[in-house]
Amino acid sequence: MSKVLAALAVSVDGYITGRDSGPDRGLGDAPMLFDWYFDGDTPSQVFDGFKLSAPSAAMFDALAGRVGAVIAGHKTYVDSSHFGGGSPHAKAPLVVLSHGPVAEISEQQTLANTIEDAVAAARDIAGGKDVGLMGGGAVTAALEAGLVDELVLHQVPILLGGGRPFFQELPEHVQLSLVEAVPAPGVTHLHYAVVR
């Protein structure tokens, strides 16, 4: 069965956006969280326009190549300008997780009201490939439901001091096991398996 994974850029103090994130300002005042996507000399084999360091490209492409569908929470969807009617992933369709109505859903996007429905829909669409998660709320809901298999923190060496946290409050501890740690210029990739 396909795996469910979350791989997000995050500050050392746990934020996936800076302050003042919102529509058309998805990262708020912290665009530097994504600098490592463009500061290298190795082109991504999955995402056009990304030029990463060699270690980051190897890690990023290995993960991105596994993904067959992406789930994004409503706030991430809105703040990312609806992904232009497509998906944040070059080769994986989008499922939007929302408990209410969502503006501008396109024919290339799927709407789900619960994390369980979103994961089921994404698995159907993914054709045996893995499901990626975007947004702190979606990741937290999937962790609460016991649906996450892997977490990857692309940890950027900065303390933002505010913004949107990667994880919201969880009702209980989630044990992780380190799969690998890959240091790279401007980022350290921390790949964890969720222990069940």
N, C-alpha and C. Protein backbone atom coordinates (compact mmCIF):
# COMPACT_ATOMS: atom_id res chain seq x y z
N MET A 1 0.84 -1.18 0.00
CA MET A 1 0.00 0.00 0.00
C MET A 1 0.89 1.24 0.00
N SER A 2 0.39 2.30 -0.62
CA SER A 2 1.16 3.53 -0.68
C SER A 2 1.33 4.12 0.71
N LYS A 3 2.40 4.89 0.87
CA LYS A 3 2.68 5.55 2.14
C LYS A 3 2.17 6.98 2.11
N VAL A 4 1.97 7.53 3.31
CA VAL A 4 1.59 8.93 3.46
C VAL A 4 2.76 9.64 4.11
N LEU A 5 3.24 10.71 3.47
CA LEU A 5 4.39 11.41 4.00
C LEU A 5 4.20 12.91 3.93
N ALA A 6 4.84 13.60 4.86
CA ALA A 6 4.88 15.06 4.86
C ALA A 6 6.33 15.47 4.78
N ALA A 7 6.65 16.34 3.83
CA ALA A 7 8.02 16.84 3.67
C ALA A 7 7.93 18.34 3.46
N LEU A 8 8.22 19.10 4.52
CA LEU A 8 8.07 20.55 4.45
C LEU A 8 9.32 21.25 4.94
N ALA A 9 9.60 22.41 4.35
CA ALA A 9 10.67 23.26 4.85
C ALA A 9 10.20 23.89 6.15
N VAL A 10 11.08 23.90 7.15
CA VAL A 10 10.70 24.35 8.48
C VAL A 10 11.89 25.06 9.13
N SER A 11 11.60 26.11 9.90
CA SER A 11 12.65 26.79 10.65
C SER A 11 13.06 25.93 11.84
N VAL A 12 14.19 26.25 12.44
CA VAL A 12 14.65 25.51 13.60
C VAL A 12 13.64 25.57 14.74
N ASP A 13 12.90 26.70 14.84
CA ASP A 13 11.89 26.81 15.89
C ASP A 13 10.50 26.33 15.45
N GLY A 14 10.43 25.61 14.33
CA GLY A 14 9.23 24.87 13.98
C GLY A 14 8.18 25.56 13.13
N TYR A 15 8.52 26.64 12.44
CA TYR A 15 7.54 27.35 11.62
C TYR A 15 7.69 27.02 10.14
N ILE A 16 6.54 26.87 9.45
CA ILE A 16 6.55 26.60 8.00
C ILE A 16 6.23 27.85 7.19
N THR A 17 5.86 28.92 7.87
CA THR A 17 5.73 30.24 7.25
C THR A 17 6.25 31.26 8.26
N GLY A 18 6.48 32.45 7.77
CA GLY A 18 6.79 33.55 8.66
C GLY A 18 5.51 34.25 9.09
N ARG A 19 5.68 35.41 9.68
CA ARG A 19 4.51 36.21 10.08
C ARG A 19 3.81 36.76 8.85
N ASP A 20 2.55 37.09 9.01
CA ASP A 20 1.76 37.74 7.95
C ASP A 20 1.58 36.89 6.70
N SER A 21 1.53 35.58 6.87
CA SER A 21 1.20 34.75 5.70
C SER A 21 -0.27 34.92 5.41
N GLY A 22 -0.64 34.75 4.16
CA GLY A 22 -2.03 34.90 3.74
C GLY A 22 -2.12 34.76 2.24
N PRO A 23 -3.28 35.05 1.67
CA PRO A 23 -3.43 34.93 0.22
C PRO A 23 -2.35 35.70 -0.53
N ASP A 24 -1.74 35.01 -1.47
CA ASP A 24 -0.64 35.55 -2.28
C ASP A 24 0.61 35.85 -1.47
N ARG A 25 0.64 35.47 -0.20
CA ARG A 25 1.82 35.61 0.66
C ARG A 25 1.97 34.34 1.47
N GLY A 26 2.05 33.21 0.76
CA GLY A 26 2.04 31.91 1.41
C GLY A 26 3.11 31.73 2.48
N LEU A 27 4.29 32.33 2.28
CA LEU A 27 5.36 32.20 3.26
C LEU A 27 5.48 33.40 4.18
N GLY A 28 4.59 34.39 4.01
CA GLY A 28 4.67 35.58 4.85
C GLY A 28 6.01 36.26 4.68
N ASP A 29 6.63 36.61 5.81
CA ASP A 29 7.92 37.32 5.75
C ASP A 29 9.10 36.35 5.81
N ALA A 30 8.90 35.10 5.39
CA ALA A 30 9.98 34.10 5.47
C ALA A 30 10.22 33.37 4.15
N PRO A 31 10.39 34.09 3.03
CA PRO A 31 10.67 33.37 1.78
C PRO A 31 11.98 32.60 1.82
N MET A 32 12.86 32.96 2.78
CA MET A 32 14.15 32.27 2.88
C MET A 32 14.01 30.78 3.22
N LEU A 33 12.81 30.36 3.66
CA LEU A 33 12.60 28.93 3.90
C LEU A 33 12.76 28.11 2.63
N PHE A 34 12.59 28.74 1.47
CA PHE A 34 12.70 28.04 0.19
C PHE A 34 13.97 28.38 -0.58
N ASP A 35 14.87 29.15 -0.01
CA ASP A 35 16.09 29.52 -0.73
C ASP A 35 16.87 28.31 -1.22
N TRP A 36 16.88 27.23 -0.43
CA TRP A 36 17.67 26.05 -0.79
C TRP A 36 17.16 25.37 -2.06
N TYR A 37 15.92 25.68 -2.49
CA TYR A 37 15.40 25.15 -3.75
C TYR A 37 16.13 25.74 -4.96
N PHE A 38 16.74 26.91 -4.79
CA PHE A 38 17.26 27.66 -5.93
C PHE A 38 18.73 28.06 -5.79
N ASP A 39 19.38 27.73 -4.68
CA ASP A 39 20.74 28.20 -4.42
C ASP A 39 21.84 27.24 -4.86
N GLY A 40 21.49 26.17 -5.54
CA GLY A 40 22.51 25.19 -5.92
C GLY A 40 22.78 25.19 -7.40
N ASP A 41 23.48 24.16 -7.84
CA ASP A 41 23.81 24.04 -9.26
C ASP A 41 23.34 22.72 -9.87
N THR A 42 22.49 21.98 -9.10
CA THR A 42 21.99 20.70 -9.58
C THR A 42 20.50 20.82 -9.88
N PRO A 43 20.11 20.76 -11.16
CA PRO A 43 18.69 20.87 -11.48
C PRO A 43 17.88 19.68 -10.96
N SER A 44 16.70 19.97 -10.44
CA SER A 44 15.80 18.90 -10.02
C SER A 44 15.34 18.13 -11.25
N GLN A 45 15.22 16.83 -11.10
CA GLN A 45 14.71 15.98 -12.18
C GLN A 45 13.19 15.89 -12.14
N VAL A 46 12.56 16.47 -11.10
CA VAL A 46 11.11 16.39 -10.94
C VAL A 46 10.45 17.76 -11.13
N PHE A 47 11.06 18.82 -10.59
CA PHE A 47 10.49 20.17 -10.65
C PHE A 47 11.34 21.07 -11.53
N ASP A 48 10.77 21.55 -12.63
CA ASP A 48 11.48 22.49 -13.50
C ASP A 48 11.78 23.77 -12.72
N GLY A 49 12.97 24.30 -12.93
CA GLY A 49 13.34 25.56 -12.32
C GLY A 49 14.02 25.45 -10.97
N PHE A 50 13.94 24.29 -10.33
CA PHE A 50 14.62 24.11 -9.05
C PHE A 50 16.08 23.75 -9.33
N LYS A 51 17.00 24.48 -8.69
CA LYS A 51 18.43 24.18 -8.78
C LYS A 51 18.95 24.10 -7.36
N LEU A 52 19.17 22.87 -6.92
CA LEU A 52 19.54 22.59 -5.54
C LEU A 52 21.00 22.19 -5.45
N SER A 53 21.50 22.12 -4.21
CA SER A 53 22.82 21.51 -4.03
C SER A 53 22.69 20.02 -4.35
N ALA A 54 23.80 19.36 -4.62
CA ALA A 54 23.76 17.94 -4.98
C ALA A 54 23.10 17.10 -3.89
N PRO A 55 23.44 17.27 -2.58
CA PRO A 55 22.77 16.44 -1.58
C PRO A 55 21.28 16.74 -1.45
N SER A 56 20.91 18.02 -1.59
CA SER A 56 19.49 18.37 -1.51
C SER A 56 18.72 17.82 -2.71
N ALA A 57 19.32 17.89 -3.90
CA ALA A 57 18.65 17.38 -5.10
C ALA A 57 18.41 15.89 -4.99
N ALA A 58 19.38 15.15 -4.48
CA ALA A 58 19.21 13.70 -4.33
C ALA A 58 18.06 13.39 -3.38
N MET A 59 18.01 14.06 -2.24
CA MET A 59 16.96 13.83 -1.25
C MET A 59 15.60 14.30 -1.79
N PHE A 60 15.55 15.52 -2.31
CA PHE A 60 14.31 16.10 -2.80
C PHE A 60 13.70 15.27 -3.93
N ASP A 61 14.51 14.93 -4.92
CA ASP A 61 13.99 14.19 -6.06
C ASP A 61 13.55 12.78 -5.69
N ALA A 62 14.27 12.15 -4.77
CA ALA A 62 13.87 10.81 -4.33
C ALA A 62 12.49 10.85 -3.68
N LEU A 63 12.25 11.85 -2.84
CA LEU A 63 10.94 11.98 -2.20
C LEU A 63 9.86 12.40 -3.19
N ALA A 64 10.14 13.45 -3.97
CA ALA A 64 9.14 13.96 -4.92
C ALA A 64 8.77 12.93 -5.97
N GLY A 65 9.73 12.09 -6.34
CA GLY A 65 9.45 11.06 -7.33
C GLY A 65 8.53 9.96 -6.83
N ARG A 66 8.43 9.82 -5.53
CA ARG A 66 7.54 8.80 -4.94
C ARG A 66 6.08 9.24 -4.90
N VAL A 67 5.83 10.55 -4.99
CA VAL A 67 4.49 11.09 -4.74
C VAL A 67 3.62 11.04 -5.98
N GLY A 68 2.42 10.46 -5.81
CA GLY A 68 1.45 10.37 -6.90
C GLY A 68 0.25 11.26 -6.72
N ALA A 69 0.06 11.81 -5.51
CA ALA A 69 -1.03 12.77 -5.23
C ALA A 69 -0.64 13.55 -3.97
N VAL A 70 -1.15 14.77 -3.89
CA VAL A 70 -0.84 15.67 -2.77
C VAL A 70 -2.14 16.11 -2.10
N ILE A 71 -2.12 16.15 -0.77
CA ILE A 71 -3.23 16.71 0.01
C ILE A 71 -2.75 18.03 0.59
N ALA A 72 -3.53 19.08 0.40
CA ALA A 72 -3.24 20.38 1.01
C ALA A 72 -4.45 20.82 1.80
N GLY A 73 -4.20 21.40 2.96
CA GLY A 73 -5.28 21.97 3.75
C GLY A 73 -5.83 23.23 3.11
N HIS A 74 -7.02 23.62 3.54
CA HIS A 74 -7.72 24.77 2.97
C HIS A 74 -6.89 26.05 3.06
N LYS A 75 -6.30 26.32 4.22
CA LYS A 75 -5.52 27.56 4.38
C LYS A 75 -4.31 27.57 3.45
N THR A 76 -3.62 26.44 3.34
CA THR A 76 -2.49 26.35 2.43
C THR A 76 -2.95 26.58 0.99
N TYR A 77 -4.10 26.00 0.65
CA TYR A 77 -4.67 26.16 -0.69
C TYR A 77 -4.97 27.63 -0.99
N VAL A 78 -5.62 28.30 -0.05
CA VAL A 78 -5.97 29.72 -0.25
C VAL A 78 -4.70 30.58 -0.29
N ASP A 79 -3.80 30.37 0.67
CA ASP A 79 -2.59 31.19 0.73
C ASP A 79 -1.68 30.97 -0.46
N SER A 80 -1.82 29.85 -1.15
CA SER A 80 -1.01 29.55 -2.33
C SER A 80 -1.74 29.86 -3.63
N SER A 81 -2.73 30.76 -3.54
CA SER A 81 -3.49 31.21 -4.72
C SER A 81 -4.08 30.05 -5.50
N HIS A 82 -4.60 29.05 -4.75
CA HIS A 82 -5.29 27.88 -5.33
C HIS A 82 -4.39 27.07 -6.25
N PHE A 83 -3.07 27.27 -6.10
CA PHE A 83 -2.08 26.57 -6.94
C PHE A 83 -2.38 26.76 -8.42
N GLY A 84 -2.95 27.92 -8.74
CA GLY A 84 -3.24 28.23 -10.15
C GLY A 84 -4.19 27.26 -10.80
N GLY A 85 -5.03 26.59 -10.02
CA GLY A 85 -5.97 25.61 -10.55
C GLY A 85 -5.36 24.24 -10.75
N GLY A 86 -4.10 24.09 -10.37
CA GLY A 86 -3.42 22.81 -10.54
C GLY A 86 -2.98 22.22 -9.21
N SER A 87 -1.71 21.88 -9.12
CA SER A 87 -1.15 21.22 -7.95
C SER A 87 0.20 21.83 -7.60
N PRO A 88 0.62 21.75 -6.33
CA PRO A 88 1.96 22.22 -5.99
C PRO A 88 3.05 21.28 -6.48
N HIS A 89 2.66 20.09 -6.90
CA HIS A 89 3.61 19.08 -7.38
C HIS A 89 3.50 18.99 -8.89
N ALA A 90 4.64 18.97 -9.55
CA ALA A 90 4.66 18.98 -11.01
C ALA A 90 3.95 17.80 -11.65
N LYS A 91 3.90 16.64 -10.96
CA LYS A 91 3.37 15.44 -11.60
C LYS A 91 2.32 14.72 -10.75
N ALA A 92 1.78 15.40 -9.71
CA ALA A 92 0.84 14.74 -8.81
C ALA A 92 -0.39 15.63 -8.60
N PRO A 93 -1.59 15.11 -8.86
CA PRO A 93 -2.81 15.88 -8.66
C PRO A 93 -3.03 16.26 -7.19
N LEU A 94 -3.91 17.23 -6.98
CA LEU A 94 -4.16 17.81 -5.67
C LEU A 94 -5.52 17.41 -5.11
N VAL A 95 -5.54 17.06 -3.82
CA VAL A 95 -6.77 16.89 -3.05
C VAL A 95 -6.77 17.99 -2.00
N VAL A 96 -7.83 18.79 -1.96
CA VAL A 96 -7.94 19.89 -0.99
C VAL A 96 -8.79 19.41 0.18
N LEU A 97 -8.24 19.52 1.38
CA LEU A 97 -8.93 19.14 2.60
C LEU A 97 -9.60 20.37 3.19
N SER A 98 -10.93 20.34 3.30
CA SER A 98 -11.65 21.48 3.86
C SER A 98 -12.95 21.01 4.48
N HIS A 99 -13.30 21.61 5.61
CA HIS A 99 -14.56 21.28 6.28
C HIS A 99 -15.71 22.15 5.79
N GLY A 100 -15.45 23.06 4.88
CA GLY A 100 -16.49 23.93 4.35
C GLY A 100 -16.30 24.14 2.87
N PRO A 101 -17.06 25.05 2.29
CA PRO A 101 -16.95 25.29 0.85
C PRO A 101 -15.58 25.87 0.49
N VAL A 102 -15.14 25.57 -0.72
CA VAL A 102 -13.84 26.04 -1.20
C VAL A 102 -14.04 26.72 -2.54
N ALA A 103 -13.52 27.93 -2.65
CA ALA A 103 -13.64 28.68 -3.90
C ALA A 103 -12.63 28.16 -4.92
N GLU A 104 -13.04 28.21 -6.16
CA GLU A 104 -12.16 27.98 -7.30
C GLU A 104 -11.55 26.59 -7.39
N ILE A 105 -12.29 25.56 -6.99
CA ILE A 105 -11.82 24.19 -7.22
C ILE A 105 -11.92 23.92 -8.72
N SER A 106 -10.84 23.43 -9.30
CA SER A 106 -10.84 23.15 -10.74
C SER A 106 -11.13 21.67 -10.98
N GLU A 107 -11.29 21.32 -12.23
CA GLU A 107 -11.52 19.92 -12.60
C GLU A 107 -10.30 19.05 -12.30
N GLN A 108 -9.13 19.68 -12.15
CA GLN A 108 -7.89 18.94 -11.87
C GLN A 108 -7.66 18.77 -10.38
N GLN A 109 -8.57 19.28 -9.56
CA GLN A 109 -8.44 19.22 -8.11
C GLN A 109 -9.64 18.47 -7.53
N THR A 110 -9.43 17.81 -6.40
CA THR A 110 -10.48 17.05 -5.73
C THR A 110 -10.70 17.64 -4.34
N LEU A 111 -11.93 17.69 -3.89
CA LEU A 111 -12.26 18.22 -2.57
C LEU A 111 -12.64 17.07 -1.64
N ALA A 112 -12.11 17.10 -0.41
CA ALA A 112 -12.46 16.11 0.62
C ALA A 112 -12.73 16.85 1.93
N ASN A 113 -13.68 16.33 2.73
CA ASN A 113 -14.07 17.01 3.97
C ASN A 113 -13.39 16.47 5.23
N THR A 114 -12.85 15.27 5.19
CA THR A 114 -12.14 14.71 6.34
C THR A 114 -10.78 14.22 5.88
N ILE A 115 -9.85 14.11 6.81
CA ILE A 115 -8.52 13.62 6.45
C ILE A 115 -8.59 12.18 5.95
N GLU A 116 -9.49 11.38 6.53
CA GLU A 116 -9.63 9.99 6.07
C GLU A 116 -10.10 9.95 4.61
N ASP A 117 -11.10 10.79 4.28
CA ASP A 117 -11.57 10.85 2.89
C ASP A 117 -10.50 11.39 1.95
N ALA A 118 -9.74 12.38 2.43
CA ALA A 118 -8.67 12.96 1.61
C ALA A 118 -7.60 11.92 1.29
N VAL A 119 -7.18 11.16 2.30
CA VAL A 119 -6.17 10.13 2.07
C VAL A 119 -6.70 9.03 1.14
N ALA A 120 -7.95 8.63 1.34
CA ALA A 120 -8.54 7.61 0.46
C ALA A 120 -8.61 8.10 -0.99
N ALA A 121 -9.05 9.35 -1.18
CA ALA A 121 -9.13 9.92 -2.53
C ALA A 121 -7.74 10.04 -3.15
N ALA A 122 -6.77 10.51 -2.35
CA ALA A 122 -5.41 10.68 -2.86
C ALA A 122 -4.80 9.33 -3.25
N ARG A 123 -5.05 8.31 -2.43
CA ARG A 123 -4.52 6.98 -2.77
C ARG A 123 -5.12 6.47 -4.07
N ASP A 124 -6.42 6.70 -4.29
CA ASP A 124 -7.05 6.29 -5.54
C ASP A 124 -6.41 6.98 -6.74
N ILE A 125 -6.17 8.28 -6.58
CA ILE A 125 -5.60 9.08 -7.66
C ILE A 125 -4.13 8.73 -7.90
N ALA A 126 -3.41 8.39 -6.83
CA ALA A 126 -1.95 8.22 -6.89
C ALA A 126 -1.51 6.99 -7.67
N GLY A 127 -2.41 6.06 -7.93
CA GLY A 127 -2.06 4.89 -8.73
C GLY A 127 -0.93 4.06 -8.16
N GLY A 128 -0.95 3.84 -6.85
CA GLY A 128 0.07 3.01 -6.20
C GLY A 128 1.26 3.79 -5.69
N LYS A 129 1.39 5.05 -6.08
CA LYS A 129 2.49 5.88 -5.56
C LYS A 129 2.08 6.43 -4.20
N ASP A 130 3.00 7.14 -3.56
CA ASP A 130 2.76 7.68 -2.22
C ASP A 130 1.94 8.96 -2.26
N VAL A 131 1.43 9.34 -1.07
CA VAL A 131 0.61 10.53 -0.90
C VAL A 131 1.41 11.54 -0.09
N GLY A 132 1.52 12.76 -0.59
CA GLY A 132 2.20 13.84 0.12
C GLY A 132 1.21 14.73 0.84
N LEU A 133 1.62 15.26 1.98
CA LEU A 133 0.79 16.17 2.78
C LEU A 133 1.42 17.55 2.79
N MET A 134 0.58 18.60 2.70
CA MET A 134 1.04 19.98 2.80
C MET A 134 0.19 20.71 3.81
N GLY A 135 0.84 21.52 4.64
CA GLY A 135 0.13 22.37 5.59
C GLY A 135 0.09 21.77 6.98
N GLY A 136 0.29 22.60 7.97
CA GLY A 136 0.33 22.15 9.35
C GLY A 136 -0.95 21.49 9.82
N GLY A 137 -2.10 22.04 9.42
CA GLY A 137 -3.38 21.46 9.82
C GLY A 137 -3.61 20.09 9.23
N ALA A 138 -3.29 19.93 7.95
CA ALA A 138 -3.46 18.63 7.29
C ALA A 138 -2.52 17.59 7.89
N VAL A 139 -1.27 17.98 8.16
CA VAL A 139 -0.32 17.05 8.75
C VAL A 139 -0.77 16.64 10.15
N THR A 140 -1.21 17.62 10.93
CA THR A 140 -1.65 17.32 12.30
C THR A 140 -2.87 16.40 12.29
N ALA A 141 -3.85 16.68 11.42
CA ALA A 141 -5.05 15.83 11.32
C ALA A 141 -4.66 14.40 10.93
N ALA A 142 -3.73 14.27 10.00
CA ALA A 142 -3.30 12.93 9.56
C ALA A 142 -2.54 12.21 10.67
N LEU A 143 -1.73 12.94 11.43
CA LEU A 143 -1.03 12.32 12.57
C LEU A 143 -2.04 11.85 13.61
N GLU A 144 -3.03 12.69 13.93
CA GLU A 144 -4.06 12.31 14.91
C GLU A 144 -4.81 11.07 14.48
N ALA A 145 -5.04 10.93 13.18
CA ALA A 145 -5.77 9.78 12.65
C ALA A 145 -4.89 8.55 12.46
N GLY A 146 -3.60 8.67 12.75
CA GLY A 146 -2.69 7.53 12.58
C GLY A 146 -2.39 7.19 11.13
N LEU A 147 -2.45 8.19 10.25
CA LEU A 147 -2.31 7.95 8.82
C LEU A 147 -0.94 8.29 8.24
N VAL A 148 -0.06 8.89 9.04
CA VAL A 148 1.23 9.33 8.51
C VAL A 148 2.28 8.24 8.73
N ASP A 149 3.02 7.95 7.67
CA ASP A 149 4.09 6.95 7.73
C ASP A 149 5.46 7.58 7.89
N GLU A 150 5.66 8.75 7.25
CA GLU A 150 6.98 9.38 7.26
C GLU A 150 6.85 10.89 7.38
N LEU A 151 7.80 11.50 8.08
CA LEU A 151 7.92 12.96 8.17
C LEU A 151 9.33 13.34 7.73
N VAL A 152 9.40 14.36 6.89
CA VAL A 152 10.69 14.91 6.50
C VAL A 152 10.68 16.39 6.82
N LEU A 153 11.62 16.78 7.68
CA LEU A 153 11.79 18.19 8.02
C LEU A 153 12.99 18.69 7.22
N HIS A 154 12.74 19.56 6.26
CA HIS A 154 13.82 20.23 5.55
C HIS A 154 14.15 21.44 6.43
N GLN A 155 15.02 21.24 7.42
CA GLN A 155 15.22 22.24 8.46
C GLN A 155 16.22 23.32 8.02
N VAL A 156 15.70 24.54 7.95
CA VAL A 156 16.48 25.69 7.53
C VAL A 156 17.05 26.36 8.78
N PRO A 157 18.34 26.70 8.79
CA PRO A 157 18.96 27.24 9.99
C PRO A 157 18.60 28.70 10.26
N ILE A 158 17.35 28.89 10.68
CA ILE A 158 16.88 30.21 11.04
C ILE A 158 15.84 30.07 12.15
N LEU A 159 15.81 31.03 13.05
CA LEU A 159 14.76 31.13 14.06
C LEU A 159 13.82 32.24 13.62
N LEU A 160 12.58 31.90 13.29
CA LEU A 160 11.63 32.90 12.81
C LEU A 160 10.90 33.61 13.95
N GLY A 161 10.73 32.95 15.07
CA GLY A 161 10.09 33.58 16.21
C GLY A 161 8.59 33.77 16.08
N GLY A 162 8.00 33.35 14.99
CA GLY A 162 6.56 33.46 14.78
C GLY A 162 6.20 33.03 13.38
N GLY A 163 4.94 32.83 13.15
CA GLY A 163 4.45 32.37 11.87
C GLY A 163 3.48 31.22 12.08
N ARG A 164 3.33 30.40 11.06
CA ARG A 164 2.46 29.23 11.17
C ARG A 164 3.30 28.01 11.54
N PRO A 165 2.99 27.35 12.67
CA PRO A 165 3.81 26.20 13.08
C PRO A 165 3.56 24.99 12.19
N PHE A 166 4.59 24.17 12.05
CA PHE A 166 4.46 22.92 11.30
C PHE A 166 3.39 22.06 11.96
N PHE A 167 3.48 21.88 13.26
CA PHE A 167 2.55 20.99 13.96
C PHE A 167 1.66 21.79 14.89
N GLN A 168 0.38 21.44 14.89
CA GLN A 168 -0.55 21.98 15.86
C GLN A 168 -0.58 21.02 17.05
N GLU A 169 -1.38 21.35 18.05
CA GLU A 169 -1.42 20.50 19.25
C GLU A 169 -1.95 19.12 18.93
N LEU A 170 -1.24 18.11 19.41
CA LEU A 170 -1.63 16.72 19.23
C LEU A 170 -2.16 16.17 20.55
N PRO A 171 -3.13 15.25 20.52
CA PRO A 171 -3.69 14.72 21.75
C PRO A 171 -2.75 13.77 22.49
N GLU A 172 -1.73 13.27 21.80
CA GLU A 172 -0.79 12.35 22.45
C GLU A 172 0.54 12.41 21.71
N HIS A 173 1.56 11.80 22.31
CA HIS A 173 2.89 11.78 21.71
C HIS A 173 2.89 10.93 20.43
N VAL A 174 3.74 11.33 19.50
CA VAL A 174 3.98 10.55 18.29
C VAL A 174 5.47 10.23 18.28
N GLN A 175 5.79 8.96 18.34
CA GLN A 175 7.19 8.52 18.38
C GLN A 175 7.73 8.43 16.95
N LEU A 176 8.95 8.95 16.76
CA LEU A 176 9.59 8.95 15.46
C LEU A 176 10.91 8.18 15.53
N SER A 177 11.30 7.62 14.39
CA SER A 177 12.58 6.94 14.28
C SER A 177 13.35 7.58 13.12
N LEU A 178 14.56 8.05 13.38
CA LEU A 178 15.34 8.72 12.34
C LEU A 178 15.77 7.71 11.27
N VAL A 179 15.40 7.98 10.03
CA VAL A 179 15.78 7.14 8.89
C VAL A 179 17.13 7.62 8.35
N GLU A 180 17.23 8.94 8.15
CA GLU A 180 18.50 9.52 7.71
C GLU A 180 18.51 11.01 7.98
N ALA A 181 19.71 11.55 8.12
CA ALA A 181 19.93 12.99 8.25
C ALA A 181 20.95 13.37 7.19
N VAL A 182 20.57 14.32 6.34
CA VAL A 182 21.43 14.72 5.23
C VAL A 182 21.75 16.21 5.36
N PRO A 183 22.96 16.55 5.76
CA PRO A 183 23.33 17.96 5.80
C PRO A 183 23.59 18.46 4.38
N ALA A 184 23.16 19.70 4.13
CA ALA A 184 23.36 20.30 2.81
C ALA A 184 23.49 21.81 3.00
N PRO A 185 24.01 22.52 2.03
CA PRO A 185 24.11 23.97 2.16
C PRO A 185 22.73 24.61 2.38
N GLY A 186 22.59 25.34 3.47
CA GLY A 186 21.36 26.08 3.76
C GLY A 186 20.22 25.26 4.31
N VAL A 187 20.40 23.96 4.53
CA VAL A 187 19.29 23.11 5.00
C VAL A 187 19.86 21.77 5.49
N THR A 188 19.19 21.20 6.46
CA THR A 188 19.48 19.82 6.88
C THR A 188 18.21 19.01 6.71
N HIS A 189 18.29 17.92 5.99
CA HIS A 189 17.13 17.09 5.70
C HIS A 189 17.04 15.99 6.76
N LEU A 190 15.99 16.02 7.55
CA LEU A 190 15.77 15.04 8.63
C LEU A 190 14.58 14.16 8.24
N HIS A 191 14.86 12.91 7.93
CA HIS A 191 13.84 11.97 7.44
C HIS A 191 13.50 10.99 8.58
N TYR A 192 12.24 11.00 9.00
CA TYR A 192 11.77 10.16 10.11
C TYR A 192 10.69 9.19 9.64
N ALA A 193 10.67 8.02 10.23
CA ALA A 193 9.53 7.10 10.11
C ALA A 193 8.69 7.26 11.37
N VAL A 194 7.37 7.20 11.21
CA VAL A 194 6.47 7.25 12.36
C VAL A 194 6.39 5.84 12.95
N VAL A 195 6.67 5.73 14.24
CA VAL A 195 6.66 4.43 14.93
C VAL A 195 5.24 4.12 15.35
N ARG A 196 4.78 2.92 14.99
CA ARG A 196 3.41 2.50 15.39
C ARG A 196 3.50 1.36 16.34
